[in-house]
């Protein structure tokens, strides 16, 4: 089932990821607020998201320096098709 879920998640456009990364890096938000921003990003694109998982990904993105490839990988793991 997880394989099916993963294959249904799109590759997010680099421009969208770059915009999200810029917003995350310049915003001065805490982890909870970053999780909300990530959730909003995915929800706006038609995906569901667990709040707990979003907080986990927020921490991961903060720790890895917010590379576009890392963000893509983490968002693919987080998003689920509604």
PDB file of N, CA and C in Angstrom:
ATOM      1  N   UNK A   1       0.824  -1.199   0.000  1.00  0.00           N
ATOM      2  CA  UNK A   1       0.000   0.000   0.000  1.00  0.00           C
ATOM      3  C   UNK A   1       0.865   1.259   0.000  1.00  0.00           C
ATOM      4  N   UNK A   2       1.968   1.277   0.787  1.00  0.00           N
ATOM      5  CA  UNK A   2       2.840   2.440   0.821  1.00  0.00           C
ATOM      6  C   UNK A   2       3.442   2.723  -0.546  1.00  0.00           C
ATOM      7  N   UNK A   3       3.787   1.679  -1.293  1.00  0.00           N
ATOM      8  CA  UNK A   3       4.352   1.865  -2.617  1.00  0.00           C
ATOM      9  C   UNK A   3       3.352   2.558  -3.522  1.00  0.00           C
ATOM     10  N   UNK A   4       2.100   2.158  -3.451  1.00  0.00           N
ATOM     11  CA  UNK A   4       1.060   2.795  -4.243  1.00  0.00           C
ATOM     12  C   UNK A   4       0.910   4.257  -3.846  1.00  0.00           C
ATOM     13  N   UNK A   5       0.912   4.523  -2.551  1.00  0.00           N
ATOM     14  CA  UNK A   5       0.791   5.898  -2.067  1.00  0.00           C
ATOM     15  C   UNK A   5       1.949   6.743  -2.572  1.00  0.00           C
ATOM     16  N   UNK A   6       3.162   6.223  -2.471  1.00  0.00           N
ATOM     17  CA  UNK A   6       4.341   6.974  -2.891  1.00  0.00           C
ATOM     18  C   UNK A   6       4.309   7.267  -4.387  1.00  0.00           C
ATOM     19  N   UNK A   7       3.864   6.311  -5.193  1.00  0.00           N
ATOM     20  CA  UNK A   7       3.872   6.517  -6.634  1.00  0.00           C
ATOM     21  C   UNK A   7       2.841   7.556  -7.071  1.00  0.00           C
ATOM     22  N   UNK A   8       1.864   7.840  -6.231  1.00  0.00           N
ATOM     23  CA  UNK A   8       0.819   8.786  -6.583  1.00  0.00           C
ATOM     24  C   UNK A   8       1.200  10.227  -6.233  1.00  0.00           C
ATOM     25  N   UNK A   9       2.291  10.418  -5.496  1.00  0.00           N
ATOM     26  CA  UNK A   9       2.715  11.765  -5.122  1.00  0.00           C
ATOM     27  C   UNK A   9       3.588  12.330  -6.231  1.00  0.00           C
ATOM     28  N   UNK A  10       3.226  13.519  -6.664  1.00  0.00           N
ATOM     29  CA  UNK A  10       3.937  14.158  -7.772  1.00  0.00           C
ATOM     30  C   UNK A  10       5.304  14.672  -7.336  1.00  0.00           C
ATOM     31  N   UNK A  11       6.144  14.900  -8.318  1.00  0.00           N
ATOM     32  CA  UNK A  11       7.371  15.650  -8.076  1.00  0.00           C
ATOM     33  C   UNK A  11       6.950  17.112  -8.074  1.00  0.00           C
ATOM     34  N   UNK A  12       7.229  17.805  -7.022  1.00  0.00           N
ATOM     35  CA  UNK A  12       6.828  19.195  -6.931  1.00  0.00           C
ATOM     36  C   UNK A  12       7.745  20.043  -7.805  1.00  0.00           C
ATOM     37  N   UNK A  13       7.192  21.042  -8.485  1.00  0.00           N
ATOM     38  CA  UNK A  13       8.019  21.909  -9.330  1.00  0.00           C
ATOM     39  C   UNK A  13       9.124  22.586  -8.508  1.00  0.00           C
ATOM     40  N   UNK A  14      10.309  22.656  -9.091  1.00  0.00           N
ATOM     41  CA  UNK A  14      11.447  23.269  -8.397  1.00  0.00           C
ATOM     42  C   UNK A  14      11.151  24.710  -7.996  1.00  0.00           C
ATOM     43  N   UNK A  15      10.400  25.422  -8.815  1.00  0.00           N
ATOM     44  CA  UNK A  15      10.056  26.812  -8.472  1.00  0.00           C
ATOM     45  C   UNK A  15       9.215  26.859  -7.189  1.00  0.00           C
ATOM     46  N   UNK A  16       8.276  25.913  -7.042  1.00  0.00           N
ATOM     47  CA  UNK A  16       7.451  25.852  -5.832  1.00  0.00           C
ATOM     48  C   UNK A  16       8.296  25.504  -4.614  1.00  0.00           C
ATOM     49  N   UNK A  17       9.176  24.495  -4.774  1.00  0.00           N
ATOM     50  CA  UNK A  17      10.045  24.101  -3.670  1.00  0.00           C
ATOM     51  C   UNK A  17      10.986  25.234  -3.277  1.00  0.00           C
ATOM     52  N   UNK A  18      11.511  25.919  -4.274  1.00  0.00           N
ATOM     53  CA  UNK A  18      12.419  27.033  -4.015  1.00  0.00           C
ATOM     54  C   UNK A  18      11.693  28.148  -3.261  1.00  0.00           C
ATOM     55  N   UNK A  19      10.466  28.435  -3.667  1.00  0.00           N
ATOM     56  CA  UNK A  19       9.663  29.448  -2.977  1.00  0.00           C
ATOM     57  C   UNK A  19       9.387  29.061  -1.538  1.00  0.00           C
ATOM     58  N   UNK A  20       9.059  27.791  -1.321  1.00  0.00           N
ATOM     59  CA  UNK A  20       8.816  27.305   0.041  1.00  0.00           C
ATOM     60  C   UNK A  20      10.094  27.396   0.859  1.00  0.00           C
ATOM     61  N   UNK A  21      11.216  26.965   0.277  1.00  0.00           N
ATOM     62  CA  UNK A  21      12.495  27.019   0.994  1.00  0.00           C
ATOM     63  C   UNK A  21      12.842  28.458   1.361  1.00  0.00           C
ATOM     64  N   UNK A  22      12.681  29.390   0.422  1.00  0.00           N
ATOM     65  CA  UNK A  22      12.975  30.798   0.703  1.00  0.00           C
ATOM     66  C   UNK A  22      12.114  31.319   1.852  1.00  0.00           C
ATOM     67  N   UNK A  23      10.849  30.952   1.809  1.00  0.00           N
ATOM     68  CA  UNK A  23       9.935  31.386   2.874  1.00  0.00           C
ATOM     69  C   UNK A  23      10.349  30.802   4.218  1.00  0.00           C
ATOM     70  N   UNK A  24      10.736  29.528   4.226  1.00  0.00           N
ATOM     71  CA  UNK A  24      11.168  28.884   5.465  1.00  0.00           C
ATOM     72  C   UNK A  24      12.443  29.516   6.019  1.00  0.00           C
ATOM     73  N   UNK A  25      13.376  29.811   5.139  1.00  0.00           N
ATOM     74  CA  UNK A  25      14.667  30.333   5.577  1.00  0.00           C
ATOM     75  C   UNK A  25      14.602  31.790   6.026  1.00  0.00           C
ATOM     76  N   UNK A  26      13.687  32.569   5.475  1.00  0.00           N
ATOM     77  CA  UNK A  26      13.624  33.995   5.777  1.00  0.00           C
ATOM     78  C   UNK A  26      12.576  34.352   6.830  1.00  0.00           C
ATOM     79  N   UNK A  27      11.753  33.391   7.195  1.00  0.00           N
ATOM     80  CA  UNK A  27      10.597  33.704   8.020  1.00  0.00           C
ATOM     81  C   UNK A  27      10.884  33.809   9.512  1.00  0.00           C
ATOM     82  N   UNK A  28      11.902  33.102  10.012  1.00  0.00           N
ATOM     83  CA  UNK A  28      12.166  33.104  11.440  1.00  0.00           C
ATOM     84  C   UNK A  28      11.107  32.356  12.235  1.00  0.00           C
ATOM     85  N   UNK A  29      10.434  31.408  11.597  1.00  0.00           N
ATOM     86  CA  UNK A  29       9.380  30.640  12.252  1.00  0.00           C
ATOM     87  C   UNK A  29       9.960  29.547  13.142  1.00  0.00           C
ATOM     88  N   UNK A  30       9.192  29.146  14.154  1.00  0.00           N
ATOM     89  CA  UNK A  30       9.602  28.002  14.966  1.00  0.00           C
ATOM     90  C   UNK A  30       9.121  26.714  14.293  1.00  0.00           C
ATOM     91  N   UNK A  31       9.471  25.574  14.855  1.00  0.00           N
ATOM     92  CA  UNK A  31       9.155  24.282  14.230  1.00  0.00           C
ATOM     93  C   UNK A  31       7.657  24.065  14.034  1.00  0.00           C
ATOM     94  N   UNK A  32       6.862  24.508  14.990  1.00  0.00           N
ATOM     95  CA  UNK A  32       5.409  24.343  14.862  1.00  0.00           C
ATOM     96  C   UNK A  32       4.878  25.160  13.691  1.00  0.00           C
ATOM     97  N   UNK A  33       5.358  26.380  13.553  1.00  0.00           N
ATOM     98  CA  UNK A  33       4.921  27.246  12.461  1.00  0.00           C
ATOM     99  C   UNK A  33       5.420  26.730  11.117  1.00  0.00           C
ATOM    100  N   UNK A  34       6.632  26.189  11.103  1.00  0.00           N
ATOM    101  CA  UNK A  34       7.160  25.594   9.874  1.00  0.00           C
ATOM    102  C   UNK A  34       6.288  24.408   9.461  1.00  0.00           C
ATOM    103  N   UNK A  35       5.887  23.597  10.425  1.00  0.00           N
ATOM    104  CA  UNK A  35       5.013  22.462  10.130  1.00  0.00           C
ATOM    105  C   UNK A  35       3.691  22.934   9.535  1.00  0.00           C
ATOM    106  N   UNK A  36       3.144  24.017  10.056  1.00  0.00           N
ATOM    107  CA  UNK A  36       1.906  24.577   9.518  1.00  0.00           C
ATOM    108  C   UNK A  36       2.105  25.065   8.085  1.00  0.00           C
ATOM    109  N   UNK A  37       3.233  25.702   7.821  1.00  0.00           N
ATOM    110  CA  UNK A  37       3.540  26.185   6.476  1.00  0.00           C
ATOM    111  C   UNK A  37       3.675  25.010   5.497  1.00  0.00           C
ATOM    112  N   UNK A  38       4.349  23.963   5.924  1.00  0.00           N
ATOM    113  CA  UNK A  38       4.496  22.769   5.089  1.00  0.00           C
ATOM    114  C   UNK A  38       3.136  22.132   4.831  1.00  0.00           C
ATOM    115  N   UNK A  39       2.323  22.044   5.871  1.00  0.00           N
ATOM    116  CA  UNK A  39       0.968  21.481   5.718  1.00  0.00           C
ATOM    117  C   UNK A  39       0.161  22.298   4.719  1.00  0.00           C
ATOM    118  N   UNK A  40       0.237  23.607   4.840  1.00  0.00           N
ATOM    119  CA  UNK A  40      -0.503  24.488   3.919  1.00  0.00           C
ATOM    120  C   UNK A  40      -0.020  24.297   2.483  1.00  0.00           C
ATOM    121  N   UNK A  41       1.292  24.163   2.297  1.00  0.00           N
ATOM    122  CA  UNK A  41       1.873  23.931   0.976  1.00  0.00           C
ATOM    123  C   UNK A  41       1.271  22.676   0.355  1.00  0.00           C
ATOM    124  N   UNK A  42       1.217  21.595   1.128  1.00  0.00           N
ATOM    125  CA  UNK A  42       0.695  20.325   0.593  1.00  0.00           C
ATOM    126  C   UNK A  42      -0.819  20.365   0.395  1.00  0.00           C
ATOM    127  N   UNK A  43      -1.526  20.928   1.339  1.00  0.00           N
ATOM    128  CA  UNK A  43      -2.988  21.003   1.238  1.00  0.00           C
ATOM    129  C   UNK A  43      -3.397  21.830   0.020  1.00  0.00           C
ATOM    130  N   UNK A  44      -2.668  22.903  -0.258  1.00  0.00           N
ATOM    131  CA  UNK A  44      -2.968  23.744  -1.414  1.00  0.00           C
ATOM    132  C   UNK A  44      -2.786  22.983  -2.730  1.00  0.00           C
ATOM    133  N   UNK A  45      -2.020  21.912  -2.683  1.00  0.00           N
ATOM    134  CA  UNK A  45      -1.778  21.091  -3.875  1.00  0.00           C
ATOM    135  C   UNK A  45      -2.610  19.815  -3.881  1.00  0.00           C
ATOM    136  N   UNK A  46      -3.590  19.745  -2.960  1.00  0.00           N
ATOM    137  CA  UNK A  46      -4.538  18.635  -2.957  1.00  0.00           C
ATOM    138  C   UNK A  46      -4.124  17.408  -2.170  1.00  0.00           C
ATOM    139  N   UNK A  47      -3.128  17.538  -1.301  1.00  0.00           N
ATOM    140  CA  UNK A  47      -2.661  16.405  -0.506  1.00  0.00           C
ATOM    141  C   UNK A  47      -3.113  16.540   0.933  1.00  0.00           C
ATOM    142  N   UNK A  48      -3.291  15.408   1.567  1.00  0.00           N
ATOM    143  CA  UNK A  48      -3.535  15.367   2.994  1.00  0.00           C
ATOM    144  C   UNK A  48      -2.194  15.286   3.699  1.00  0.00           C
ATOM    145  N   UNK A  49      -2.208  15.605   4.982  1.00  0.00           N
ATOM    146  CA  UNK A  49      -0.958  15.576   5.739  1.00  0.00           C
ATOM    147  C   UNK A  49      -1.266  15.411   7.217  1.00  0.00           C
ATOM    148  N   UNK A  50      -0.477  14.617   7.887  1.00  0.00           N
ATOM    149  CA  UNK A  50      -0.585  14.438   9.330  1.00  0.00           C
ATOM    150  C   UNK A  50       0.180  15.565  10.015  1.00  0.00           C
ATOM    151  N   UNK A  51      -0.425  16.185  11.012  1.00  0.00           N
ATOM    152  CA  UNK A  51       0.253  17.270  11.722  1.00  0.00           C
ATOM    153  C   UNK A  51       1.523  16.785  12.418  1.00  0.00           C
ATOM    154  N   UNK A  52       1.461  15.595  13.021  1.00  0.00           N
ATOM    155  CA  UNK A  52       2.647  15.044  13.680  1.00  0.00           C
ATOM    156  C   UNK A  52       3.759  14.794  12.675  1.00  0.00           C
ATOM    157  N   UNK A  53       3.411  14.238  11.527  1.00  0.00           N
ATOM    158  CA  UNK A  53       4.409  13.973  10.487  1.00  0.00           C
ATOM    159  C   UNK A  53       4.979  15.284   9.953  1.00  0.00           C
ATOM    160  N   UNK A  54       4.155  16.294   9.825  1.00  0.00           N
ATOM    161  CA  UNK A  54       4.633  17.600   9.342  1.00  0.00           C
ATOM    162  C   UNK A  54       5.646  18.197  10.312  1.00  0.00           C
ATOM    163  N   UNK A  55       5.410  18.046  11.604  1.00  0.00           N
ATOM    164  CA  UNK A  55       6.373  18.548  12.587  1.00  0.00           C
ATOM    165  C   UNK A  55       7.691  17.781  12.497  1.00  0.00           C
ATOM    166  N   UNK A  56       7.612  16.485  12.282  1.00  0.00           N
ATOM    167  CA  UNK A  56       8.817  15.675  12.125  1.00  0.00           C
ATOM    168  C   UNK A  56       9.612  16.115  10.895  1.00  0.00           C
ATOM    169  N   UNK A  57       8.920  16.345   9.789  1.00  0.00           N
ATOM    170  CA  UNK A  57       9.575  16.791   8.563  1.00  0.00           C
ATOM    171  C   UNK A  57      10.146  18.198   8.750  1.00  0.00           C
ATOM    172  N   UNK A  58       9.450  19.046   9.476  1.00  0.00           N
ATOM    173  CA  UNK A  58       9.965  20.401   9.735  1.00  0.00           C
ATOM    174  C   UNK A  58      11.308  20.315  10.436  1.00  0.00           C
ATOM    175  N   UNK A  59      11.411  19.441  11.419  1.00  0.00           N
ATOM    176  CA  UNK A  59      12.682  19.274  12.125  1.00  0.00           C
ATOM    177  C   UNK A  59      13.752  18.733  11.196  1.00  0.00           C
ATOM    178  N   UNK A  60      13.394  17.779  10.368  1.00  0.00           N
ATOM    179  CA  UNK A  60      14.351  17.190   9.432  1.00  0.00           C
ATOM    180  C   UNK A  60      14.860  18.218   8.441  1.00  0.00           C
ATOM    181  N   UNK A  61      13.957  19.017   7.901  1.00  0.00           N
ATOM    182  CA  UNK A  61      14.341  20.042   6.933  1.00  0.00           C
ATOM    183  C   UNK A  61      15.261  21.077   7.583  1.00  0.00           C
ATOM    184  N   UNK A  62      14.960  21.452   8.820  1.00  0.00           N
ATOM    185  CA  UNK A  62      15.814  22.412   9.523  1.00  0.00           C
ATOM    186  C   UNK A  62      17.223  21.855   9.727  1.00  0.00           C
ATOM    187  N   UNK A  63      17.314  20.577  10.074  1.00  0.00           N
ATOM    188  CA  UNK A  63      18.604  19.970  10.376  1.00  0.00           C
ATOM    189  C   UNK A  63      19.458  19.717   9.139  1.00  0.00           C
ATOM    190  N   UNK A  64      18.827  19.541   7.980  1.00  0.00           N
ATOM    191  CA  UNK A  64      19.585  19.202   6.776  1.00  0.00           C
ATOM    192  C   UNK A  64      19.917  20.410   5.917  1.00  0.00           C
ATOM    193  N   UNK A  65      19.631  21.588   6.375  1.00  0.00           N
ATOM    194  CA  UNK A  65      19.990  22.785   5.628  1.00  0.00           C
ATOM    195  C   UNK A  65      19.015  23.137   4.525  1.00  0.00           C
ATOM    196  N   UNK A  66      17.894  22.442   4.466  1.00  0.00           N
ATOM    197  CA  UNK A  66      16.813  22.829   3.575  1.00  0.00           C
ATOM    198  C   UNK A  66      17.184  22.735   2.088  1.00  0.00           C
ATOM    199  N   UNK A  67      17.908  21.690   1.671  1.00  0.00           N
ATOM    200  CA  UNK A  67      18.214  21.535   0.247  1.00  0.00           C
ATOM    201  C   UNK A  67      16.931  21.193  -0.509  1.00  0.00           C
ATOM    202  N   UNK A  68      16.866  21.574  -1.771  1.00  0.00           N
ATOM    203  CA  UNK A  68      15.667  21.301  -2.571  1.00  0.00           C
ATOM    204  C   UNK A  68      15.417  19.802  -2.703  1.00  0.00           C
ATOM    205  N   UNK A  69      16.466  19.017  -2.910  1.00  0.00           N
ATOM    206  CA  UNK A  69      16.282  17.570  -3.041  1.00  0.00           C
ATOM    207  C   UNK A  69      15.785  16.959  -1.737  1.00  0.00           C
ATOM    208  N   UNK A  70      16.323  17.416  -0.615  1.00  0.00           N
ATOM    209  CA  UNK A  70      15.852  16.920   0.677  1.00  0.00           C
ATOM    210  C   UNK A  70      14.396  17.286   0.897  1.00  0.00           C
ATOM    211  N   UNK A  71      14.039  18.515   0.548  1.00  0.00           N
ATOM    212  CA  UNK A  71      12.643  18.931   0.694  1.00  0.00           C
ATOM    213  C   UNK A  71      11.731  18.067  -0.164  1.00  0.00           C
ATOM    214  N   UNK A  72      12.134  17.815  -1.404  1.00  0.00           N
ATOM    215  CA  UNK A  72      11.339  16.971  -2.299  1.00  0.00           C
ATOM    216  C   UNK A  72      11.135  15.598  -1.678  1.00  0.00           C
ATOM    217  N   UNK A  73      12.226  14.997  -1.215  1.00  0.00           N
ATOM    218  CA  UNK A  73      12.155  13.659  -0.618  1.00  0.00           C
ATOM    219  C   UNK A  73      11.239  13.636   0.596  1.00  0.00           C
ATOM    220  N   UNK A  74      11.401  14.615   1.471  1.00  0.00           N
ATOM    221  CA  UNK A  74      10.593  14.661   2.698  1.00  0.00           C
ATOM    222  C   UNK A  74       9.122  14.921   2.396  1.00  0.00           C
ATOM    223  N   UNK A  75       8.837  15.811   1.456  1.00  0.00           N
ATOM    224  CA  UNK A  75       7.446  16.099   1.113  1.00  0.00           C
ATOM    225  C   UNK A  75       6.778  14.900   0.453  1.00  0.00           C
ATOM    226  N   UNK A  76       7.525  14.149  -0.350  1.00  0.00           N
ATOM    227  CA  UNK A  76       6.972  12.935  -0.950  1.00  0.00           C
ATOM    228  C   UNK A  76       6.595  11.921   0.119  1.00  0.00           C
ATOM    229  N   UNK A  77       7.405  11.810   1.161  1.00  0.00           N
ATOM    230  CA  UNK A  77       7.110  10.876   2.251  1.00  0.00           C
ATOM    231  C   UNK A  77       5.904  11.339   3.064  1.00  0.00           C
ATOM    232  N   UNK A  78       5.745  12.639   3.175  1.00  0.00           N
ATOM    233  CA  UNK A  78       4.711  13.230   4.025  1.00  0.00           C
ATOM    234  C   UNK A  78       3.330  13.277   3.384  1.00  0.00           C
ATOM    235  N   UNK A  79       3.290  13.604   2.098  1.00  0.00           N
ATOM    236  CA  UNK A  79       2.014  13.832   1.409  1.00  0.00           C
ATOM    237  C   UNK A  79       1.275  12.521   1.178  1.00  0.00           C
ATOM    238  N   UNK A  80      -0.031  12.572   1.338  1.00  0.00           N
ATOM    239  CA  UNK A  80      -0.846  11.443   0.924  1.00  0.00           C
ATOM    240  C   UNK A  80      -2.009  11.945   0.094  1.00  0.00           C
ATOM    241  N   UNK A  81      -2.340  11.174  -0.914  1.00  0.00           N
ATOM    242  CA  UNK A  81      -3.383  11.562  -1.862  1.00  0.00           C
ATOM    243  C   UNK A  81      -4.737  11.473  -1.177  1.00  0.00           C
ATOM    244  N   UNK A  82      -5.539  12.497  -1.395  1.00  0.00           N
ATOM    245  CA  UNK A  82      -6.880  12.527  -0.817  1.00  0.00           C
ATOM    246  C   UNK A  82      -7.908  12.074  -1.817  1.00  0.00           C
TER     247      UNK A  82
END
